[in-house]
Amino acid sequence: MSLVNQFTEAVATSKTLSEKPDNNTLLTLYSLYKQATEGDNTEEYSVGAFDFVAKFKHEAWAKLKGTTKDAAMQEYVDLVAKLKG
């Protein structure tokens, strides 16, 4: 199975996990997904100062700058497989 197919399957699986992952894991999933689908985060953070969720998401994605889309897809697939058990 190609990496893209594995990634697509992992995205679907992540939505049906038996237990909701903790917030740090959710941020990791979000940032890996964004990196895999959009590449580097080139946007300036401009959301309100009290929108902490948006700020954390932005920062988590920005930390992956330079990670290839394929590497982000593989990390996402591996993480979902680990969460699935």
PDB file of N, CA and C in Angstrom:
ATOM      1  N   MET A   1       0.852  -1.181   0.000  1.00  0.00           N
ATOM      2  CA  MET A   1       0.000   0.000   0.000  1.00  0.00           C
ATOM      3  C   MET A   1       0.896   1.241   0.000  1.00  0.00           C
ATOM      4  N   SER A   2       0.551   2.210  -0.818  1.00  0.00           N
ATOM      5  CA  SER A   2       1.364   3.420  -0.904  1.00  0.00           C
ATOM      6  C   SER A   2       1.238   4.248   0.374  1.00  0.00           C
ATOM      7  N   LEU A   3       2.207   5.110   0.577  1.00  0.00           N
ATOM      8  CA  LEU A   3       2.207   5.974   1.763  1.00  0.00           C
ATOM      9  C   LEU A   3       0.973   6.866   1.783  1.00  0.00           C
ATOM     10  N   VAL A   4       0.582   7.380   0.637  1.00  0.00           N
ATOM     11  CA  VAL A   4      -0.604   8.251   0.569  1.00  0.00           C
ATOM     12  C   VAL A   4      -1.849   7.471   0.999  1.00  0.00           C
ATOM     13  N   ASN A   5      -1.969   6.233   0.543  1.00  0.00           N
ATOM     14  CA  ASN A   5      -3.112   5.406   0.951  1.00  0.00           C
ATOM     15  C   ASN A   5      -3.070   5.086   2.436  1.00  0.00           C
ATOM     16  N   GLN A   6      -1.880   4.787   2.957  1.00  0.00           N
ATOM     17  CA  GLN A   6      -1.736   4.528   4.395  1.00  0.00           C
ATOM     18  C   GLN A   6      -2.122   5.765   5.198  1.00  0.00           C
ATOM     19  N   PHE A   7      -1.696   6.930   4.727  1.00  0.00           N
ATOM     20  CA  PHE A   7      -2.002   8.194   5.395  1.00  0.00           C
ATOM     21  C   PHE A   7      -3.513   8.443   5.395  1.00  0.00           C
ATOM     22  N   THR A   8      -4.136   8.264   4.242  1.00  0.00           N
ATOM     23  CA  THR A   8      -5.582   8.468   4.127  1.00  0.00           C
ATOM     24  C   THR A   8      -6.334   7.534   5.070  1.00  0.00           C
ATOM     25  N   GLU A   9      -5.888   6.294   5.140  1.00  0.00           N
ATOM     26  CA  GLU A   9      -6.505   5.322   6.043  1.00  0.00           C
ATOM     27  C   GLU A   9      -6.282   5.724   7.504  1.00  0.00           C
ATOM     28  N   ALA A  10      -5.086   6.202   7.822  1.00  0.00           N
ATOM     29  CA  ALA A  10      -4.773   6.624   9.194  1.00  0.00           C
ATOM     30  C   ALA A  10      -5.621   7.827   9.606  1.00  0.00           C
ATOM     31  N   VAL A  11      -5.846   8.750   8.674  1.00  0.00           N
ATOM     32  CA  VAL A  11      -6.697   9.908   8.975  1.00  0.00           C
ATOM     33  C   VAL A  11      -8.102   9.432   9.335  1.00  0.00           C
ATOM     34  N   ALA A  12      -8.631   8.507   8.556  1.00  0.00           N
ATOM     35  CA  ALA A  12      -9.969   7.976   8.845  1.00  0.00           C
ATOM     36  C   ALA A  12      -9.982   7.239  10.187  1.00  0.00           C
ATOM     37  N   THR A  13      -8.941   6.470  10.448  1.00  0.00           N
ATOM     38  CA  THR A  13      -8.849   5.720  11.702  1.00  0.00           C
ATOM     39  C   THR A  13      -8.755   6.656  12.901  1.00  0.00           C
ATOM     40  N   SER A  14      -8.043   7.765  12.740  1.00  0.00           N
ATOM     41  CA  SER A  14      -7.860   8.697  13.861  1.00  0.00           C
ATOM     42  C   SER A  14      -9.186   9.269  14.347  1.00  0.00           C
ATOM     43  N   LYS A  15     -10.174   9.276  13.480  1.00  0.00           N
ATOM     44  CA  LYS A  15     -11.488   9.816  13.848  1.00  0.00           C
ATOM     45  C   LYS A  15     -12.364   8.796  14.552  1.00  0.00           C
ATOM     46  N   THR A  16     -11.919   7.536  14.586  1.00  0.00           N
ATOM     47  CA  THR A  16     -12.732   6.481  15.187  1.00  0.00           C
ATOM     48  C   THR A  16     -11.996   5.743  16.303  1.00  0.00           C
ATOM     49  N   LEU A  17     -10.991   6.366  16.885  1.00  0.00           N
ATOM     50  CA  LEU A  17     -10.245   5.734  17.979  1.00  0.00           C
ATOM     51  C   LEU A  17     -11.179   5.495  19.165  1.00  0.00           C
ATOM     52  N   SER A  18     -10.959   4.410  19.872  1.00  0.00           N
ATOM     53  CA  SER A  18     -11.836   4.081  20.996  1.00  0.00           C
ATOM     54  C   SER A  18     -11.684   5.064  22.155  1.00  0.00           C
ATOM     55  N   GLU A  19     -10.482   5.640  22.318  1.00  0.00           N
ATOM     56  CA  GLU A  19     -10.256   6.640  23.362  1.00  0.00           C
ATOM     57  C   GLU A  19      -9.716   7.913  22.724  1.00  0.00           C
ATOM     58  N   LYS A  20     -10.210   9.047  23.211  1.00  0.00           N
ATOM     59  CA  LYS A  20      -9.719  10.326  22.703  1.00  0.00           C
ATOM     60  C   LYS A  20      -8.293  10.534  23.222  1.00  0.00           C
ATOM     61  N   PRO A  21      -7.352  10.856  22.319  1.00  0.00           N
ATOM     62  CA  PRO A  21      -5.973  11.104  22.751  1.00  0.00           C
ATOM     63  C   PRO A  21      -5.884  12.360  23.627  1.00  0.00           C
ATOM     64  N   ASP A  22      -4.810  12.456  24.401  1.00  0.00           N
ATOM     65  CA  ASP A  22      -4.615  13.649  25.226  1.00  0.00           C
ATOM     66  C   ASP A  22      -4.322  14.854  24.322  1.00  0.00           C
ATOM     67  N   ASN A  23      -4.346  16.035  24.911  1.00  0.00           N
ATOM     68  CA  ASN A  23      -4.193  17.266  24.135  1.00  0.00           C
ATOM     69  C   ASN A  23      -2.866  17.346  23.391  1.00  0.00           C
ATOM     70  N   ASN A  24      -1.773  16.910  24.004  1.00  0.00           N
ATOM     71  CA  ASN A  24      -0.476  16.955  23.319  1.00  0.00           C
ATOM     72  C   ASN A  24      -0.469  16.039  22.100  1.00  0.00           C
ATOM     73  N   THR A  25      -1.078  14.886  22.220  1.00  0.00           N
ATOM     74  CA  THR A  25      -1.157  13.960  21.090  1.00  0.00           C
ATOM     75  C   THR A  25      -2.041  14.535  19.995  1.00  0.00           C
ATOM     76  N   LEU A  26      -3.144  15.170  20.385  1.00  0.00           N
ATOM     77  CA  LEU A  26      -4.009  15.807  19.397  1.00  0.00           C
ATOM     78  C   LEU A  26      -3.267  16.915  18.651  1.00  0.00           C
ATOM     79  N   LEU A  27      -2.461  17.688  19.367  1.00  0.00           N
ATOM     80  CA  LEU A  27      -1.654  18.729  18.711  1.00  0.00           C
ATOM     81  C   LEU A  27      -0.653  18.116  17.739  1.00  0.00           C
ATOM     82  N   THR A  28      -0.060  17.005  18.141  1.00  0.00           N
ATOM     83  CA  THR A  28       0.894  16.328  17.267  1.00  0.00           C
ATOM     84  C   THR A  28       0.197  15.822  16.011  1.00  0.00           C
ATOM     85  N   LEU A  29      -0.955  15.206  16.179  1.00  0.00           N
ATOM     86  CA  LEU A  29      -1.719  14.735  15.023  1.00  0.00           C
ATOM     87  C   LEU A  29      -2.075  15.900  14.095  1.00  0.00           C
ATOM     88  N   TYR A  30      -2.542  16.984  14.671  1.00  0.00           N
ATOM     89  CA  TYR A  30      -2.911  18.162  13.888  1.00  0.00           C
ATOM     90  C   TYR A  30      -1.715  18.691  13.101  1.00  0.00           C
ATOM     91  N   SER A  31      -0.593  18.872  13.790  1.00  0.00           N
ATOM     92  CA  SER A  31       0.569  19.469  13.131  1.00  0.00           C
ATOM     93  C   SER A  31       1.137  18.550  12.050  1.00  0.00           C
ATOM     94  N   LEU A  32       1.154  17.248  12.308  1.00  0.00           N
ATOM     95  CA  LEU A  32       1.630  16.311  11.287  1.00  0.00           C
ATOM     96  C   LEU A  32       0.692  16.303  10.086  1.00  0.00           C
ATOM     97  N   TYR A  33      -0.604  16.370  10.332  1.00  0.00           N
ATOM     98  CA  TYR A  33      -1.574  16.414   9.234  1.00  0.00           C
ATOM     99  C   TYR A  33      -1.357  17.659   8.381  1.00  0.00           C
ATOM    100  N   LYS A  34      -1.240  18.802   9.032  1.00  0.00           N
ATOM    101  CA  LYS A  34      -1.040  20.059   8.297  1.00  0.00           C
ATOM    102  C   LYS A  34       0.267  20.032   7.510  1.00  0.00           C
ATOM    103  N   GLN A  35       1.329  19.515   8.122  1.00  0.00           N
ATOM    104  CA  GLN A  35       2.621  19.450   7.446  1.00  0.00           C
ATOM    105  C   GLN A  35       2.538  18.500   6.246  1.00  0.00           C
ATOM    106  N   ALA A  36       1.841  17.387   6.422  1.00  0.00           N
ATOM    107  CA  ALA A  36       1.723  16.392   5.351  1.00  0.00           C
ATOM    108  C   ALA A  36       0.869  16.896   4.192  1.00  0.00           C
ATOM    109  N   THR A  37      -0.139  17.699   4.495  1.00  0.00           N
ATOM    110  CA  THR A  37      -1.061  18.129   3.452  1.00  0.00           C
ATOM    111  C   THR A  37      -0.748  19.501   2.876  1.00  0.00           C
ATOM    112  N   GLU A  38      -0.110  20.370   3.669  1.00  0.00           N
ATOM    113  CA  GLU A  38       0.141  21.733   3.208  1.00  0.00           C
ATOM    114  C   GLU A  38       1.611  22.127   3.185  1.00  0.00           C
ATOM    115  N   GLY A  39       2.458  21.367   3.853  1.00  0.00           N
ATOM    116  CA  GLY A  39       3.875  21.735   3.911  1.00  0.00           C
ATOM    117  C   GLY A  39       4.144  22.710   5.040  1.00  0.00           C
ATOM    118  N   ASP A  40       5.243  23.430   4.934  1.00  0.00           N
ATOM    119  CA  ASP A  40       5.655  24.341   6.006  1.00  0.00           C
ATOM    120  C   ASP A  40       4.607  25.402   6.303  1.00  0.00           C
ATOM    121  N   ASN A  41       4.496  25.736   7.573  1.00  0.00           N
ATOM    122  CA  ASN A  41       3.602  26.794   8.030  1.00  0.00           C
ATOM    123  C   ASN A  41       4.272  28.130   7.737  1.00  0.00           C
ATOM    124  N   THR A  42       3.757  28.836   6.764  1.00  0.00           N
ATOM    125  CA  THR A  42       4.351  30.116   6.384  1.00  0.00           C
ATOM    126  C   THR A  42       3.499  31.298   6.825  1.00  0.00           C
ATOM    127  N   GLU A  43       2.409  31.006   7.512  1.00  0.00           N
ATOM    128  CA  GLU A  43       1.509  32.066   7.958  1.00  0.00           C
ATOM    129  C   GLU A  43       2.017  32.694   9.245  1.00  0.00           C
ATOM    130  N   GLU A  44       1.842  33.994   9.348  1.00  0.00           N
ATOM    131  CA  GLU A  44       2.130  34.685  10.600  1.00  0.00           C
ATOM    132  C   GLU A  44       0.961  34.444  11.539  1.00  0.00           C
ATOM    133  N   TYR A  45       1.253  34.290  12.819  1.00  0.00           N
ATOM    134  CA  TYR A  45       0.187  34.092  13.796  1.00  0.00           C
ATOM    135  C   TYR A  45      -0.544  35.404  13.993  1.00  0.00           C
ATOM    136  N   SER A  46      -1.844  35.408  13.717  1.00  0.00           N
ATOM    137  CA  SER A  46      -2.596  36.660  13.811  1.00  0.00           C
ATOM    138  C   SER A  46      -3.927  36.510  14.533  1.00  0.00           C
ATOM    139  N   VAL A  47      -4.144  35.379  15.166  1.00  0.00           N
ATOM    140  CA  VAL A  47      -5.393  35.164  15.894  1.00  0.00           C
ATOM    141  C   VAL A  47      -5.308  35.890  17.231  1.00  0.00           C
ATOM    142  N   GLY A  48      -6.425  36.189  17.822  1.00  0.00           N
ATOM    143  CA  GLY A  48      -6.470  36.917  19.082  1.00  0.00           C
ATOM    144  C   GLY A  48      -5.586  36.324  20.168  1.00  0.00           C
ATOM    145  N   ALA A  49      -5.116  37.173  21.037  1.00  0.00           N
ATOM    146  CA  ALA A  49      -4.185  36.779  22.093  1.00  0.00           C
ATOM    147  C   ALA A  49      -4.770  35.746  23.049  1.00  0.00           C
ATOM    148  N   PHE A  50      -6.086  35.681  23.145  1.00  0.00           N
ATOM    149  CA  PHE A  50      -6.706  34.758  24.098  1.00  0.00           C
ATOM    150  C   PHE A  50      -7.238  33.487  23.435  1.00  0.00           C
ATOM    151  N   ASP A  51      -6.946  33.298  22.166  1.00  0.00           N
ATOM    152  CA  ASP A  51      -7.318  32.061  21.482  1.00  0.00           C
ATOM    153  C   ASP A  51      -6.142  31.100  21.594  1.00  0.00           C
ATOM    154  N   PHE A  52      -6.035  30.481  22.773  1.00  0.00           N
ATOM    155  CA  PHE A  52      -4.878  29.647  23.083  1.00  0.00           C
ATOM    156  C   PHE A  52      -4.810  28.398  22.211  1.00  0.00           C
ATOM    157  N   VAL A  53      -5.956  27.816  21.885  1.00  0.00           N
ATOM    158  CA  VAL A  53      -5.965  26.612  21.057  1.00  0.00           C
ATOM    159  C   VAL A  53      -5.349  26.911  19.691  1.00  0.00           C
ATOM    160  N   ALA A  54      -5.779  27.998  19.073  1.00  0.00           N
ATOM    161  CA  ALA A  54      -5.236  28.375  17.766  1.00  0.00           C
ATOM    162  C   ALA A  54      -3.743  28.663  17.861  1.00  0.00           C
ATOM    163  N   LYS A  55      -3.339  29.303  18.937  1.00  0.00           N
ATOM    164  CA  LYS A  55      -1.924  29.621  19.126  1.00  0.00           C
ATOM    165  C   LYS A  55      -1.097  28.338  19.250  1.00  0.00           C
ATOM    166  N   PHE A  56      -1.565  27.392  20.056  1.00  0.00           N
ATOM    167  CA  PHE A  56      -0.824  26.133  20.233  1.00  0.00           C
ATOM    168  C   PHE A  56      -0.770  25.333  18.938  1.00  0.00           C
ATOM    169  N   LYS A  57      -1.878  25.327  18.185  1.00  0.00           N
ATOM    170  CA  LYS A  57      -1.886  24.636  16.902  1.00  0.00           C
ATOM    171  C   LYS A  57      -0.865  25.261  15.954  1.00  0.00           C
ATOM    172  N   HIS A  58      -0.872  26.578  15.888  1.00  0.00           N
ATOM    173  CA  HIS A  58       0.057  27.303  15.019  1.00  0.00           C
ATOM    174  C   HIS A  58       1.509  26.979  15.393  1.00  0.00           C
ATOM    175  N   GLU A  59       1.814  27.021  16.674  1.00  0.00           N
ATOM    176  CA  GLU A  59       3.177  26.759  17.142  1.00  0.00           C
ATOM    177  C   GLU A  59       3.597  25.312  16.885  1.00  0.00           C
ATOM    178  N   ALA A  60       2.674  24.374  17.104  1.00  0.00           N
ATOM    179  CA  ALA A  60       2.994  22.958  16.887  1.00  0.00           C
ATOM    180  C   ALA A  60       3.320  22.702  15.420  1.00  0.00           C
ATOM    181  N   TRP A  61       2.542  23.291  14.534  1.00  0.00           N
ATOM    182  CA  TRP A  61       2.787  23.119  13.102  1.00  0.00           C
ATOM    183  C   TRP A  61       4.092  23.798  12.707  1.00  0.00           C
ATOM    184  N   ALA A  62       4.348  24.983  13.231  1.00  0.00           N
ATOM    185  CA  ALA A  62       5.567  25.724  12.891  1.00  0.00           C
ATOM    186  C   ALA A  62       6.826  24.953  13.300  1.00  0.00           C
ATOM    187  N   LYS A  63       6.756  24.169  14.361  1.00  0.00           N
ATOM    188  CA  LYS A  63       7.907  23.384  14.816  1.00  0.00           C
ATOM    189  C   LYS A  63       8.329  22.324  13.805  1.00  0.00           C
ATOM    190  N   LEU A  64       7.433  21.959  12.911  1.00  0.00           N
ATOM    191  CA  LEU A  64       7.732  20.925  11.910  1.00  0.00           C
ATOM    192  C   LEU A  64       8.333  21.499  10.626  1.00  0.00           C
ATOM    193  N   LYS A  65       8.609  22.791  10.627  1.00  0.00           N
ATOM    194  CA  LYS A  65       9.165  23.433   9.431  1.00  0.00           C
ATOM    195  C   LYS A  65      10.388  22.656   8.944  1.00  0.00           C
ATOM    196  N   GLY A  66      10.403  22.365   7.667  1.00  0.00           N
ATOM    197  CA  GLY A  66      11.503  21.631   7.073  1.00  0.00           C
ATOM    198  C   GLY A  66      11.269  20.131   6.982  1.00  0.00           C
ATOM    199  N   THR A  67      10.252  19.634   7.681  1.00  0.00           N
ATOM    200  CA  THR A  67       9.911  18.214   7.599  1.00  0.00           C
ATOM    201  C   THR A  67       9.220  17.974   6.258  1.00  0.00           C
ATOM    202  N   THR A  68       9.652  16.966   5.536  1.00  0.00           N
ATOM    203  CA  THR A  68       9.033  16.687   4.245  1.00  0.00           C
ATOM    204  C   THR A  68       7.609  16.186   4.435  1.00  0.00           C
ATOM    205  N   LYS A  69       6.815  16.330   3.391  1.00  0.00           N
ATOM    206  CA  LYS A  69       5.440  15.846   3.460  1.00  0.00           C
ATOM    207  C   LYS A  69       5.418  14.337   3.683  1.00  0.00           C
ATOM    208  N   ASP A  70       6.303  13.613   3.008  1.00  0.00           N
ATOM    209  CA  ASP A  70       6.343  12.156   3.182  1.00  0.00           C
ATOM    210  C   ASP A  70       6.721  11.766   4.604  1.00  0.00           C
ATOM    211  N   ALA A  71       7.684  12.471   5.188  1.00  0.00           N
ATOM    212  CA  ALA A  71       8.096  12.165   6.563  1.00  0.00           C
ATOM    213  C   ALA A  71       6.948  12.449   7.534  1.00  0.00           C
ATOM    214  N   ALA A  72       6.225  13.542   7.315  1.00  0.00           N
ATOM    215  CA  ALA A  72       5.086  13.874   8.178  1.00  0.00           C
ATOM    216  C   ALA A  72       3.982  12.827   8.032  1.00  0.00           C
ATOM    217  N   MET A  73       3.741  12.377   6.800  1.00  0.00           N
ATOM    218  CA  MET A  73       2.736  11.335   6.580  1.00  0.00           C
ATOM    219  C   MET A  73       3.120  10.063   7.325  1.00  0.00           C
ATOM    220  N   GLN A  74       4.385   9.676   7.226  1.00  0.00           N
ATOM    221  CA  GLN A  74       4.835   8.445   7.879  1.00  0.00           C
ATOM    222  C   GLN A  74       4.721   8.561   9.391  1.00  0.00           C
ATOM    223  N   GLU A  75       5.096   9.709   9.944  1.00  0.00           N
ATOM    224  CA  GLU A  75       4.977   9.907  11.397  1.00  0.00           C
ATOM    225  C   GLU A  75       3.516   9.841  11.831  1.00  0.00           C
ATOM    226  N   TYR A  76       2.637  10.424  11.027  1.00  0.00           N
ATOM    227  CA  TYR A  76       1.207  10.401  11.334  1.00  0.00           C
ATOM    228  C   TYR A  76       0.700   8.962  11.335  1.00  0.00           C
ATOM    229  N   VAL A  77       1.044   8.210  10.284  1.00  0.00           N
ATOM    230  CA  VAL A  77       0.627   6.807  10.173  1.00  0.00           C
ATOM    231  C   VAL A  77       1.127   6.015  11.379  1.00  0.00           C
ATOM    232  N   ASP A  78       2.396   6.210  11.740  1.00  0.00           N
ATOM    233  CA  ASP A  78       2.979   5.485  12.871  1.00  0.00           C
ATOM    234  C   ASP A  78       2.290   5.840  14.192  1.00  0.00           C
ATOM    235  N   LEU A  79       1.992   7.123  14.382  1.00  0.00           N
ATOM    236  CA  LEU A  79       1.341   7.554  15.619  1.00  0.00           C
ATOM    237  C   LEU A  79      -0.068   6.982  15.734  1.00  0.00           C
ATOM    238  N   VAL A  80      -0.817   7.021  14.646  1.00  0.00           N
ATOM    239  CA  VAL A  80      -2.179   6.471  14.685  1.00  0.00           C
ATOM    240  C   VAL A  80      -2.137   4.959  14.945  1.00  0.00           C
ATOM    241  N   ALA A  81      -1.185   4.280  14.338  1.00  0.00           N
ATOM    242  CA  ALA A  81      -1.049   2.840  14.578  1.00  0.00           C
ATOM    243  C   ALA A  81      -0.762   2.565  16.055  1.00  0.00           C
ATOM    244  N   LYS A  82       0.067   3.402  16.663  1.00  0.00           N
ATOM    245  CA  LYS A  82       0.386   3.265  18.082  1.00  0.00           C
ATOM    246  C   LYS A  82      -0.857   3.521  18.937  1.00  0.00           C
ATOM    247  N   LEU A  83      -1.619   4.550  18.574  1.00  0.00           N
ATOM    248  CA  LEU A  83      -2.829   4.891  19.334  1.00  0.00           C
ATOM    249  C   LEU A  83      -3.908   3.824  19.187  1.00  0.00           C
ATOM    250  N   LYS A  84      -3.951   3.241  18.022  1.00  0.00           N
ATOM    251  CA  LYS A  84      -4.951   2.198  17.742  1.00  0.00           C
ATOM    252  C   LYS A  84      -4.674   0.947  18.563  1.00  0.00           C
ATOM    253  N   GLY A  85      -3.375   0.720  18.816  1.00  0.00           N
ATOM    254  CA  GLY A  85      -2.987  -0.401  19.662  1.00  0.00           C
ATOM    255  C   GLY A  85      -2.890  -1.633  18.914  1.00  0.00           C
TER     256      GLY A  85
END
